Structures are given as C-alpha cells and as structure tokens.
Amino acid sequence: MTIDERRERERLERENPWRPIGEAKPDGSICELRMNNLTELGRHRFFLHEDRWFRIEPPGVSYHEGLVEFRPTGFTISKDRQASVIGRADRFEYRDGELYRKPKPYKLYWRADDAKGDK
C-alpha cells in the first residue's frame, strides 16, 4: 500500500467512523461490521432487519456473537432486494463455498383436529 492509498483510506475512515452496534437502525443501510477483537468481516456487506444482520452476497444471516461496531457505506438496499436476500438466507446455506438447501420446517397439519380435542 502506498502512502497516498493509506492517506486516502484514513481520510475515508475520518469521514465515516465506526459506530457502536446499538445505534444501528433497520433502515436498509448497507454496512460493514467489526467484531470485538477488531476483526472486520472482510468484503462482506450487511443490512439490519428485525434485529438480525443479513449478509448480502452470498445471502446469509450473521450469527457472530462479538459484533460491536458497524460502519454504513452510504448506500441503501431496496425493499425488494431485502426480501430476496432474506428469503434466500432462510432457504439456503453457504458452507465452504458450497450451496446447501436448508430443510423445510416440519409442520403437523394433519394433527390440527387432535389439538382441538374434537372426536
């Protein structure tokens, strides 16, 4: 990294500082996340929806316990794209670069009459 690149990065960090995770609002802002050991989550971008951080690409839910800071990138994600990411995150899971389909939740529709106590 050259001196000019480092200065540019430092300037951007001064303009857009890290903020505590408690200040995050589910407004569709695309953010970067940092953990308590100051490890940034790399090139992944996230958005907050109903107190869960969703990774945009590949779609997934962030289950990191040590999230302490976020930094908005200045862009927002549309409601349609949010719904698409949330739906794919709930149906699929990426592990080691492979795509796996999550099992469907099992519902006992055929036992609905038994639950009411009808005979």
C-alpha atoms as a PDB file:
ATOM      1  CA  MET A   1       0.000   0.000   0.000  1.00  0.00           C
ATOM      2  CA  THR A   2       1.414   3.331  -0.990  1.00  0.00           C
ATOM      3  CA  ILE A   3       1.425   6.434   1.172  1.00  0.00           C
ATOM      4  CA  ASP A   4      -1.300   8.029  -0.980  1.00  0.00           C
ATOM      5  CA  GLU A   5      -3.530   4.960  -0.650  1.00  0.00           C
ATOM      6  CA  ARG A   6      -3.062   4.937   3.130  1.00  0.00           C
ATOM      7  CA  ARG A   7      -3.878   8.644   3.370  1.00  0.00           C
ATOM      8  CA  GLU A   8      -6.993   8.146   1.264  1.00  0.00           C
ATOM      9  CA  ARG A   9      -8.128   5.250   3.492  1.00  0.00           C
ATOM     10  CA  GLU A  10      -7.507   7.315   6.634  1.00  0.00           C
ATOM     11  CA  ARG A  11      -9.461  10.231   5.166  1.00  0.00           C
ATOM     12  CA  LEU A  12     -12.404   7.947   4.385  1.00  0.00           C
ATOM     13  CA  GLU A  13     -12.289   6.498   7.906  1.00  0.00           C
ATOM     14  CA  ARG A  14     -12.356  10.012   9.409  1.00  0.00           C
ATOM     15  CA  GLU A  15     -15.407  10.913   7.295  1.00  0.00           C
ATOM     16  CA  ASN A  16     -17.237   7.664   8.069  1.00  0.00           C
ATOM     17  CA  PRO A  17     -16.174   6.386  11.532  1.00  0.00           C
ATOM     18  CA  TRP A  18     -17.130   3.125  13.201  1.00  0.00           C
ATOM     19  CA  ARG A  19     -20.237   3.375  15.401  1.00  0.00           C
ATOM     20  CA  PRO A  20     -21.495   1.194  18.285  1.00  0.00           C
ATOM     21  CA  ILE A  21     -23.736  -1.671  17.172  1.00  0.00           C
ATOM     22  CA  GLY A  22     -26.514  -0.438  19.487  1.00  0.00           C
ATOM     23  CA  GLU A  23     -27.005   2.677  17.340  1.00  0.00           C
ATOM     24  CA  ALA A  24     -27.846   0.661  14.206  1.00  0.00           C
ATOM     25  CA  LYS A  25     -31.335   1.172  12.773  1.00  0.00           C
ATOM     26  CA  PRO A  26     -33.133  -1.140  10.334  1.00  0.00           C
ATOM     27  CA  ASP A  27     -33.400   1.495   7.605  1.00  0.00           C
ATOM     28  CA  GLY A  28     -31.900  -0.553   4.759  1.00  0.00           C
ATOM     29  CA  SER A  29     -28.405   0.913   5.030  1.00  0.00           C
ATOM     30  CA  ILE A  30     -25.636  -1.300   3.715  1.00  0.00           C
ATOM     31  CA  CYS A  31     -22.955  -1.613   6.389  1.00  0.00           C
ATOM     32  CA  GLU A  32     -19.601  -3.128   7.213  1.00  0.00           C
ATOM     33  CA  LEU A  33     -19.297  -4.940  10.552  1.00  0.00           C
ATOM     34  CA  ARG A  34     -16.455  -5.283  13.047  1.00  0.00           C
ATOM     35  CA  MET A  35     -16.134  -7.754  15.915  1.00  0.00           C
ATOM     36  CA  ASN A  36     -14.913  -7.174  19.492  1.00  0.00           C
ATOM     37  CA  ASN A  37     -11.346  -8.246  18.637  1.00  0.00           C
ATOM     38  CA  LEU A  38     -11.314  -5.524  15.911  1.00  0.00           C
ATOM     39  CA  THR A  39     -11.616  -8.141  13.169  1.00  0.00           C
ATOM     40  CA  GLU A  40     -13.519  -6.725  10.239  1.00  0.00           C
ATOM     41  CA  LEU A  41     -15.746  -9.148   8.378  1.00  0.00           C
ATOM     42  CA  GLY A  42     -13.865  -8.645   5.143  1.00  0.00           C
ATOM     43  CA  ARG A  43     -15.540  -7.716   1.911  1.00  0.00           C
ATOM     44  CA  HIS A  44     -18.994  -8.797   3.077  1.00  0.00           C
ATOM     45  CA  ARG A  45     -21.716  -6.177   3.333  1.00  0.00           C
ATOM     46  CA  PHE A  46     -24.700  -6.464   5.666  1.00  0.00           C
ATOM     47  CA  PHE A  47     -28.032  -4.819   6.432  1.00  0.00           C
ATOM     48  CA  LEU A  48     -30.114  -4.903   9.591  1.00  0.00           C
ATOM     49  CA  HIS A  49     -33.635  -6.325   9.538  1.00  0.00           C
ATOM     50  CA  GLU A  50     -35.638  -7.172  12.683  1.00  0.00           C
ATOM     51  CA  ASP A  51     -32.540  -7.287  14.927  1.00  0.00           C
ATOM     52  CA  ARG A  52     -30.681  -9.698  12.612  1.00  0.00           C
ATOM     53  CA  TRP A  53     -27.777  -8.805  10.332  1.00  0.00           C
ATOM     54  CA  PHE A  54     -28.156 -10.286   6.856  1.00  0.00           C
ATOM     55  CA  ARG A  55     -25.152 -10.745   4.597  1.00  0.00           C
ATOM     56  CA  ILE A  56     -25.994  -9.600   1.072  1.00  0.00           C
ATOM     57  CA  GLU A  57     -23.791 -11.767  -1.123  1.00  0.00           C
ATOM     58  CA  PRO A  58     -23.825 -14.703  -0.654  1.00  0.00           C
ATOM     59  CA  PRO A  59     -27.092 -14.392   1.290  1.00  0.00           C
ATOM     60  CA  GLY A  60     -26.898 -15.427   4.910  1.00  0.00           C
ATOM     61  CA  VAL A  61     -27.523 -14.430   8.495  1.00  0.00           C
ATOM     62  CA  SER A  62     -24.638 -13.209  10.654  1.00  0.00           C
ATOM     63  CA  TYR A  63     -24.532 -15.218  13.881  1.00  0.00           C
ATOM     64  CA  HIS A  64     -21.379 -13.598  15.218  1.00  0.00           C
ATOM     65  CA  GLU A  65     -21.724 -13.024  18.944  1.00  0.00           C
ATOM     66  CA  GLY A  66     -18.941 -10.470  19.200  1.00  0.00           C
ATOM     67  CA  LEU A  67     -20.297  -7.759  16.897  1.00  0.00           C
ATOM     68  CA  VAL A  68     -19.542  -4.391  18.448  1.00  0.00           C
ATOM     69  CA  GLU A  69     -19.298  -1.821  15.643  1.00  0.00           C
ATOM     70  CA  PHE A  70     -20.772  -1.032  12.263  1.00  0.00           C
ATOM     71  CA  ARG A  71     -19.998   1.487   9.571  1.00  0.00           C
ATOM     72  CA  PRO A  72     -22.549   2.474   6.903  1.00  0.00           C
ATOM     73  CA  THR A  73     -21.230   2.552   3.351  1.00  0.00           C
ATOM     74  CA  GLY A  74     -23.589   5.378   2.356  1.00  0.00           C
ATOM     75  CA  PHE A  75     -25.819   3.195   0.181  1.00  0.00           C
ATOM     76  CA  THR A  76     -29.198   1.629   0.893  1.00  0.00           C
ATOM     77  CA  ILE A  77     -30.737  -1.607  -0.307  1.00  0.00           C
ATOM     78  CA  SER A  78     -34.240  -1.621  -1.783  1.00  0.00           C
ATOM     79  CA  LYS A  79     -37.143  -3.394  -0.039  1.00  0.00           C
ATOM     80  CA  ASP A  80     -37.427  -5.896  -2.913  1.00  0.00           C
ATOM     81  CA  ARG A  81     -33.746  -6.773  -2.709  1.00  0.00           C
ATOM     82  CA  GLN A  82     -34.023  -7.081   1.094  1.00  0.00           C
ATOM     83  CA  ALA A  83     -36.916  -9.526   0.706  1.00  0.00           C
ATOM     84  CA  SER A  84     -34.921 -11.525  -1.851  1.00  0.00           C
ATOM     85  CA  VAL A  85     -31.846 -11.752   0.384  1.00  0.00           C
ATOM     86  CA  ILE A  86     -33.917 -12.675   3.455  1.00  0.00           C
ATOM     87  CA  GLY A  87     -35.803 -15.362   1.525  1.00  0.00           C
ATOM     88  CA  ARG A  88     -32.617 -16.903   0.129  1.00  0.00           C
ATOM     89  CA  ALA A  89     -30.914 -16.731   3.528  1.00  0.00           C
ATOM     90  CA  ASP A  90     -33.822 -18.636   5.075  1.00  0.00           C
ATOM     91  CA  ARG A  91     -33.896 -21.303   2.323  1.00  0.00           C
ATOM     92  CA  PHE A  92     -30.210 -21.820   1.574  1.00  0.00           C
ATOM     93  CA  GLU A  93     -26.932 -22.001   3.444  1.00  0.00           C
ATOM     94  CA  TYR A  94     -23.420 -21.468   2.135  1.00  0.00           C
ATOM     95  CA  ARG A  95     -20.691 -23.590   3.714  1.00  0.00           C
ATOM     96  CA  ASP A  96     -17.149 -23.701   2.348  1.00  0.00           C
ATOM     97  CA  GLY A  97     -18.302 -22.150  -0.916  1.00  0.00           C
ATOM     98  CA  GLU A  98     -20.981 -24.819  -1.472  1.00  0.00           C
ATOM     99  CA  LEU A  99     -24.715 -24.124  -1.604  1.00  0.00           C
ATOM    100  CA  TYR A 100     -26.911 -26.349   0.576  1.00  0.00           C
ATOM    101  CA  ARG A 101     -30.687 -26.263   0.807  1.00  0.00           C
ATOM    102  CA  LYS A 102     -31.953 -25.959   4.379  1.00  0.00           C
ATOM    103  CA  PRO A 103     -34.607 -28.490   5.361  1.00  0.00           C
ATOM    104  CA  LYS A 104     -38.170 -27.261   5.400  1.00  0.00           C
ATOM    105  CA  PRO A 105     -39.669 -26.754   8.841  1.00  0.00           C
ATOM    106  CA  TYR A 106     -41.897 -29.716   9.653  1.00  0.00           C
ATOM    107  CA  LYS A 107     -45.492 -28.748  10.424  1.00  0.00           C
ATOM    108  CA  LEU A 108     -48.092 -31.084  11.806  1.00  0.00           C
ATOM    109  CA  TYR A 109     -51.072 -30.014   9.716  1.00  0.00           C
ATOM    110  CA  TRP A 110     -52.608 -33.484   9.891  1.00  0.00           C
ATOM    111  CA  ARG A 111     -52.795 -33.251  13.702  1.00  0.00           C
ATOM    112  CA  ALA A 112     -54.742 -29.993  13.800  1.00  0.00           C
ATOM    113  CA  ASP A 113     -58.007 -31.769  14.730  1.00  0.00           C
ATOM    114  CA  ASP A 114     -56.300 -33.670  17.545  1.00  0.00           C
ATOM    115  CA  ALA A 115     -55.020 -30.451  19.029  1.00  0.00           C
ATOM    116  CA  LYS A 116     -58.536 -29.025  19.299  1.00  0.00           C
ATOM    117  CA  GLY A 117     -59.810 -32.070  21.162  1.00  0.00           C
ATOM    118  CA  ASP A 118     -62.511 -32.901  18.564  1.00  0.00           C
ATOM    119  CA  LYS A 119     -63.604 -36.530  18.445  1.00  0.00           C
END
